[in-house]
Amino acid sequence: MSSNWENFLYAAQALSLAGPIKHRLINAYASHLAMLKPDELPREVRDDFAELESSLCAVRPMRGETALQATVRKMSDHEAARYAQRIVNLLGTLVRLQIQPRQPLLRAVNGSDD
C-alpha cells in the first residue's frame, strides 16, 4: 500500500508523460488520486485536495463516461494544465511535511505528585 505522498508522486509522474494534457490529467487522477479520502490526508493539504476533487468531478457525465472525464472534456488545455500544476504543488507540500522535523506534543502536567 502506498503512502499519500507516493500516490501524488505517481500522479505527477503520469502527468509528465507524453500525450495530451487532458488525457494525462484524467489518467493521473483516476489511477492514483481518486481513491484517496481528504480526511486521511494531512490537514495542511486536506482542503486543497477536497476542492481539487470536487472541481475535477463537477460535470454531469454523458452515457459511457465518468464525471472526471466529462469535467476534463469541458476544460481548455490551459485549465487542465492548471489542475495538473495543483497536483504537483500538493506533492511538494506533502514532501515538505515528510521532511520537516515533527514538533513534540505538549502535554498538560497534573500539578499533584500522586
N, C-alpha and C. Protein backbone atom coordinates (compact mmCIF):
# COMPACT_ATOMS: atom_id res chain seq x y z
N MET A 1 0.84 -1.19 0.00
CA MET A 1 0.00 0.00 0.00
C MET A 1 0.88 1.25 0.00
N SER A 2 0.58 2.18 -0.85
CA SER A 2 1.38 3.40 -0.97
C SER A 2 0.94 4.43 0.06
N SER A 3 1.89 5.25 0.46
CA SER A 3 1.54 6.37 1.32
C SER A 3 0.94 7.47 0.44
N ASN A 4 0.33 8.44 1.09
CA ASN A 4 -0.32 9.51 0.33
C ASN A 4 0.66 10.24 -0.58
N TRP A 5 1.85 10.56 -0.08
CA TRP A 5 2.78 11.31 -0.91
C TRP A 5 3.22 10.48 -2.11
N GLU A 6 3.30 9.15 -1.94
CA GLU A 6 3.66 8.29 -3.08
C GLU A 6 2.56 8.30 -4.14
N ASN A 7 1.31 8.33 -3.73
CA ASN A 7 0.22 8.44 -4.71
C ASN A 7 0.34 9.73 -5.50
N PHE A 8 0.68 10.81 -4.82
CA PHE A 8 0.87 12.08 -5.53
C PHE A 8 2.11 12.03 -6.42
N LEU A 9 3.15 11.35 -5.99
CA LEU A 9 4.34 11.19 -6.83
C LEU A 9 3.98 10.44 -8.11
N TYR A 10 3.26 9.34 -7.98
CA TYR A 10 2.87 8.56 -9.16
C TYR A 10 1.97 9.40 -10.08
N ALA A 11 1.10 10.21 -9.49
CA ALA A 11 0.25 11.09 -10.30
C ALA A 11 1.10 12.11 -11.05
N ALA A 12 2.09 12.69 -10.36
CA ALA A 12 2.99 13.65 -11.02
C ALA A 12 3.77 12.98 -12.14
N GLN A 13 4.20 11.75 -11.93
CA GLN A 13 4.91 11.03 -12.98
C GLN A 13 3.99 10.80 -14.17
N ALA A 14 2.73 10.46 -13.93
CA ALA A 14 1.78 10.27 -15.02
C ALA A 14 1.54 11.58 -15.77
N LEU A 15 1.55 12.69 -15.05
CA LEU A 15 1.38 13.99 -15.69
C LEU A 15 2.57 14.37 -16.56
N SER A 16 3.75 13.80 -16.26
CA SER A 16 4.96 14.16 -17.00
C SER A 16 5.14 13.34 -18.29
N LEU A 17 4.30 12.37 -18.52
CA LEU A 17 4.42 11.54 -19.72
C LEU A 17 3.98 12.31 -20.96
N ALA A 18 4.29 11.75 -22.10
CA ALA A 18 3.88 12.37 -23.37
C ALA A 18 2.38 12.17 -23.58
N GLY A 19 1.80 13.07 -24.33
CA GLY A 19 0.39 12.96 -24.67
C GLY A 19 -0.36 14.23 -24.32
N PRO A 20 -1.60 14.31 -24.76
CA PRO A 20 -2.42 15.49 -24.47
C PRO A 20 -2.61 15.67 -22.96
N ILE A 21 -2.57 16.90 -22.50
CA ILE A 21 -2.66 17.20 -21.08
C ILE A 21 -3.96 16.68 -20.48
N LYS A 22 -5.05 16.74 -21.21
CA LYS A 22 -6.32 16.26 -20.67
C LYS A 22 -6.28 14.76 -20.40
N HIS A 23 -5.68 14.01 -21.29
CA HIS A 23 -5.57 12.56 -21.08
C HIS A 23 -4.66 12.26 -19.89
N ARG A 24 -3.56 13.00 -19.79
CA ARG A 24 -2.63 12.80 -18.67
C ARG A 24 -3.29 13.14 -17.35
N LEU A 25 -4.09 14.21 -17.32
CA LEU A 25 -4.77 14.60 -16.09
C LEU A 25 -5.78 13.55 -15.66
N ILE A 26 -6.56 13.06 -16.60
CA ILE A 26 -7.54 12.00 -16.29
C ILE A 26 -6.83 10.77 -15.76
N ASN A 27 -5.77 10.35 -16.43
CA ASN A 27 -5.04 9.16 -16.00
C ASN A 27 -4.41 9.36 -14.63
N ALA A 28 -3.79 10.49 -14.41
CA ALA A 28 -3.12 10.75 -13.13
C ALA A 28 -4.11 10.72 -11.99
N TYR A 29 -5.23 11.41 -12.16
CA TYR A 29 -6.20 11.47 -11.07
C TYR A 29 -6.90 10.12 -10.87
N ALA A 30 -7.40 9.53 -11.95
CA ALA A 30 -8.15 8.28 -11.83
C ALA A 30 -7.29 7.14 -11.31
N SER A 31 -6.05 7.07 -11.74
CA SER A 31 -5.19 5.95 -11.37
C SER A 31 -4.54 6.09 -10.01
N HIS A 32 -4.33 7.32 -9.55
CA HIS A 32 -3.50 7.49 -8.36
C HIS A 32 -4.12 8.33 -7.23
N LEU A 33 -5.13 9.14 -7.54
CA LEU A 33 -5.66 10.04 -6.51
C LEU A 33 -7.13 9.84 -6.18
N ALA A 34 -7.89 9.27 -7.09
CA ALA A 34 -9.34 9.16 -6.89
C ALA A 34 -9.71 8.35 -5.65
N MET A 35 -8.85 7.41 -5.27
CA MET A 35 -9.19 6.56 -4.13
C MET A 35 -8.83 7.20 -2.78
N LEU A 36 -8.14 8.32 -2.81
CA LEU A 36 -7.76 8.99 -1.57
C LEU A 36 -8.96 9.70 -0.97
N LYS A 37 -9.00 9.71 0.34
CA LYS A 37 -10.05 10.43 1.06
C LYS A 37 -9.43 11.64 1.72
N PRO A 38 -10.03 12.82 1.51
CA PRO A 38 -9.44 14.04 2.09
C PRO A 38 -9.17 13.94 3.58
N ASP A 39 -10.05 13.29 4.33
CA ASP A 39 -9.85 13.22 5.79
C ASP A 39 -8.69 12.31 6.20
N GLU A 40 -8.12 11.57 5.26
CA GLU A 40 -6.95 10.74 5.55
C GLU A 40 -5.64 11.45 5.21
N LEU A 41 -5.75 12.65 4.64
CA LEU A 41 -4.57 13.44 4.28
C LEU A 41 -4.20 14.37 5.43
N PRO A 42 -2.96 14.82 5.46
CA PRO A 42 -2.57 15.81 6.48
C PRO A 42 -3.45 17.06 6.36
N ARG A 43 -3.74 17.67 7.50
CA ARG A 43 -4.64 18.82 7.50
C ARG A 43 -4.13 19.97 6.62
N GLU A 44 -2.84 20.05 6.40
CA GLU A 44 -2.27 21.12 5.58
C GLU A 44 -2.69 21.04 4.11
N VAL A 45 -3.07 19.86 3.64
CA VAL A 45 -3.47 19.71 2.24
C VAL A 45 -4.91 19.25 2.08
N ARG A 46 -5.57 18.96 3.17
CA ARG A 46 -6.92 18.38 3.13
C ARG A 46 -7.91 19.24 2.35
N ASP A 47 -7.98 20.52 2.66
CA ASP A 47 -8.95 21.39 2.00
C ASP A 47 -8.62 21.57 0.52
N ASP A 48 -7.34 21.73 0.20
CA ASP A 48 -6.94 21.89 -1.20
C ASP A 48 -7.28 20.65 -2.02
N PHE A 49 -7.04 19.47 -1.42
CA PHE A 49 -7.35 18.24 -2.15
C PHE A 49 -8.86 18.07 -2.31
N ALA A 50 -9.62 18.37 -1.27
CA ALA A 50 -11.08 18.25 -1.36
C ALA A 50 -11.63 19.17 -2.45
N GLU A 51 -11.08 20.37 -2.55
CA GLU A 51 -11.51 21.31 -3.58
C GLU A 51 -11.11 20.81 -4.97
N LEU A 52 -9.90 20.26 -5.09
CA LEU A 52 -9.45 19.68 -6.36
C LEU A 52 -10.38 18.54 -6.77
N GLU A 53 -10.67 17.68 -5.81
CA GLU A 53 -11.54 16.53 -6.06
C GLU A 53 -12.92 16.97 -6.56
N SER A 54 -13.52 17.94 -5.90
CA SER A 54 -14.86 18.38 -6.32
C SER A 54 -14.80 19.12 -7.66
N SER A 55 -13.73 19.86 -7.90
CA SER A 55 -13.58 20.59 -9.17
C SER A 55 -13.40 19.64 -10.36
N LEU A 56 -12.70 18.54 -10.13
CA LEU A 56 -12.42 17.60 -11.23
C LEU A 56 -13.59 16.67 -11.53
N CYS A 57 -14.60 16.68 -10.69
CA CYS A 57 -15.76 15.79 -10.90
C CYS A 57 -17.05 16.58 -10.85
N ALA A 58 -17.04 17.80 -11.37
CA ALA A 58 -18.17 18.72 -11.23
C ALA A 58 -19.22 18.59 -12.33
N VAL A 59 -18.85 18.04 -13.47
CA VAL A 59 -19.76 18.00 -14.61
C VAL A 59 -20.49 16.66 -14.65
N ARG A 60 -21.78 16.73 -14.91
CA ARG A 60 -22.58 15.51 -15.03
C ARG A 60 -22.14 14.75 -16.28
N PRO A 61 -21.80 13.47 -16.11
CA PRO A 61 -21.28 12.72 -17.27
C PRO A 61 -22.36 12.31 -18.26
N MET A 62 -21.95 12.16 -19.49
CA MET A 62 -22.82 11.59 -20.52
C MET A 62 -22.70 10.07 -20.41
N ARG A 63 -23.56 9.40 -21.09
CA ARG A 63 -23.55 7.93 -21.05
C ARG A 63 -22.18 7.40 -21.49
N GLY A 64 -21.61 6.50 -20.67
CA GLY A 64 -20.34 5.87 -21.02
C GLY A 64 -19.11 6.61 -20.55
N GLU A 65 -19.27 7.69 -19.79
CA GLU A 65 -18.10 8.39 -19.28
C GLU A 65 -18.28 8.66 -17.79
N THR A 66 -17.19 8.97 -17.13
CA THR A 66 -17.22 9.30 -15.72
C THR A 66 -17.36 10.82 -15.55
N ALA A 67 -17.66 11.24 -14.33
CA ALA A 67 -17.73 12.68 -14.06
C ALA A 67 -16.37 13.34 -14.30
N LEU A 68 -15.29 12.62 -13.96
CA LEU A 68 -13.94 13.14 -14.21
C LEU A 68 -13.73 13.37 -15.71
N GLN A 69 -14.06 12.39 -16.52
CA GLN A 69 -13.89 12.52 -17.96
C GLN A 69 -14.75 13.66 -18.52
N ALA A 70 -15.97 13.78 -18.05
CA ALA A 70 -16.86 14.84 -18.52
C ALA A 70 -16.32 16.21 -18.14
N THR A 71 -15.84 16.34 -16.90
CA THR A 71 -15.32 17.62 -16.43
C THR A 71 -14.09 18.04 -17.21
N VAL A 72 -13.16 17.11 -17.38
CA VAL A 72 -11.91 17.43 -18.09
C VAL A 72 -12.20 17.69 -19.57
N ARG A 73 -13.15 16.99 -20.14
CA ARG A 73 -13.53 17.21 -21.55
C ARG A 73 -13.98 18.65 -21.76
N LYS A 74 -14.66 19.22 -20.79
CA LYS A 74 -15.17 20.59 -20.90
C LYS A 74 -14.10 21.66 -20.67
N MET A 75 -12.95 21.26 -20.14
CA MET A 75 -11.87 22.21 -19.83
C MET A 75 -11.08 22.59 -21.08
N SER A 76 -10.46 23.75 -21.00
CA SER A 76 -9.46 24.09 -22.01
C SER A 76 -8.15 23.40 -21.62
N ASP A 77 -7.22 23.33 -22.54
CA ASP A 77 -5.91 22.76 -22.21
C ASP A 77 -5.23 23.58 -21.11
N HIS A 78 -5.43 24.88 -21.14
CA HIS A 78 -4.84 25.76 -20.12
C HIS A 78 -5.39 25.43 -18.73
N GLU A 79 -6.71 25.23 -18.64
CA GLU A 79 -7.31 24.86 -17.35
C GLU A 79 -6.80 23.51 -16.88
N ALA A 80 -6.70 22.55 -17.78
CA ALA A 80 -6.20 21.22 -17.42
C ALA A 80 -4.77 21.32 -16.91
N ALA A 81 -3.96 22.15 -17.54
CA ALA A 81 -2.57 22.33 -17.09
C ALA A 81 -2.53 22.94 -15.70
N ARG A 82 -3.45 23.86 -15.39
CA ARG A 82 -3.50 24.45 -14.04
C ARG A 82 -3.84 23.40 -12.99
N TYR A 83 -4.77 22.49 -13.30
CA TYR A 83 -5.09 21.41 -12.36
C TYR A 83 -3.91 20.46 -12.19
N ALA A 84 -3.21 20.19 -13.28
CA ALA A 84 -2.00 19.35 -13.20
C ALA A 84 -0.97 20.01 -12.29
N GLN A 85 -0.81 21.32 -12.43
CA GLN A 85 0.13 22.05 -11.58
C GLN A 85 -0.29 21.99 -10.11
N ARG A 86 -1.57 22.04 -9.84
CA ARG A 86 -2.05 21.92 -8.46
C ARG A 86 -1.69 20.57 -7.86
N ILE A 87 -1.78 19.52 -8.66
CA ILE A 87 -1.40 18.19 -8.17
C ILE A 87 0.08 18.16 -7.81
N VAL A 88 0.90 18.72 -8.67
CA VAL A 88 2.35 18.76 -8.40
C VAL A 88 2.62 19.62 -7.16
N ASN A 89 1.91 20.72 -7.00
CA ASN A 89 2.10 21.56 -5.81
C ASN A 89 1.69 20.83 -4.54
N LEU A 90 0.62 20.05 -4.60
CA LEU A 90 0.22 19.25 -3.43
C LEU A 90 1.29 18.22 -3.09
N LEU A 91 1.89 17.62 -4.11
CA LEU A 91 3.01 16.70 -3.88
C LEU A 91 4.13 17.42 -3.14
N GLY A 92 4.48 18.61 -3.59
CA GLY A 92 5.53 19.38 -2.94
C GLY A 92 5.23 19.64 -1.48
N THR A 93 4.00 19.99 -1.18
CA THR A 93 3.61 20.22 0.21
C THR A 93 3.73 18.95 1.03
N LEU A 94 3.27 17.84 0.49
CA LEU A 94 3.35 16.56 1.21
C LEU A 94 4.79 16.15 1.47
N VAL A 95 5.66 16.36 0.50
CA VAL A 95 7.08 16.02 0.68
C VAL A 95 7.70 16.91 1.76
N ARG A 96 7.40 18.21 1.71
CA ARG A 96 7.91 19.12 2.75
C ARG A 96 7.45 18.67 4.13
N LEU A 97 6.21 18.23 4.24
CA LEU A 97 5.69 17.77 5.53
C LEU A 97 6.43 16.52 6.00
N GLN A 98 6.83 15.67 5.05
CA GLN A 98 7.56 14.44 5.39
C GLN A 98 8.95 14.75 5.96
N ILE A 99 9.59 15.79 5.44
CA ILE A 99 10.97 16.03 5.84
C ILE A 99 11.09 17.03 6.98
N GLN A 100 10.01 17.73 7.32
CA GLN A 100 10.05 18.66 8.44
C GLN A 100 10.17 17.88 9.75
N PRO A 101 10.99 18.36 10.66
CA PRO A 101 11.03 17.70 11.96
C PRO A 101 9.70 17.91 12.67
N ARG A 102 9.23 16.89 13.27
CA ARG A 102 7.96 16.96 13.98
C ARG A 102 8.15 17.69 15.30
N GLN A 103 7.21 18.56 15.62
CA GLN A 103 7.23 19.24 16.91
C GLN A 103 6.64 18.29 17.95
N PRO A 104 7.29 18.17 19.10
CA PRO A 104 6.73 17.29 20.12
C PRO A 104 5.40 17.85 20.63
N LEU A 105 4.50 16.95 20.97
CA LEU A 105 3.23 17.37 21.52
C LEU A 105 3.44 17.86 22.94
N LEU A 106 2.83 18.97 23.26
CA LEU A 106 2.89 19.47 24.62
C LEU A 106 1.77 18.82 25.42
N ARG A 107 2.11 18.33 26.54
CA ARG A 107 1.12 17.67 27.38
C ARG A 107 0.95 18.46 28.67
N ALA A 108 -0.28 18.53 29.10
CA ALA A 108 -0.55 19.20 30.37
C ALA A 108 -0.04 18.31 31.50
N VAL A 109 0.58 18.93 32.46
CA VAL A 109 1.13 18.19 33.59
C VAL A 109 0.21 18.43 34.78
N ASN A 110 -0.18 17.34 35.38
CA ASN A 110 -1.03 17.42 36.57
C ASN A 110 -0.16 17.94 37.69
N GLY A 111 -0.61 18.91 38.44
CA GLY A 111 0.19 19.53 39.50
C GLY A 111 0.44 18.66 40.70
N SER A 112 -0.30 17.57 40.84
CA SER A 112 -0.08 16.72 42.03
C SER A 112 1.02 15.70 41.77
N ASP A 113 1.65 15.26 42.83
CA ASP A 113 2.73 14.28 42.73
C ASP A 113 2.23 12.87 43.03
N ASP A 114 0.95 12.62 42.87
CA ASP A 114 0.36 11.30 43.19
C ASP A 114 0.96 10.25 42.35
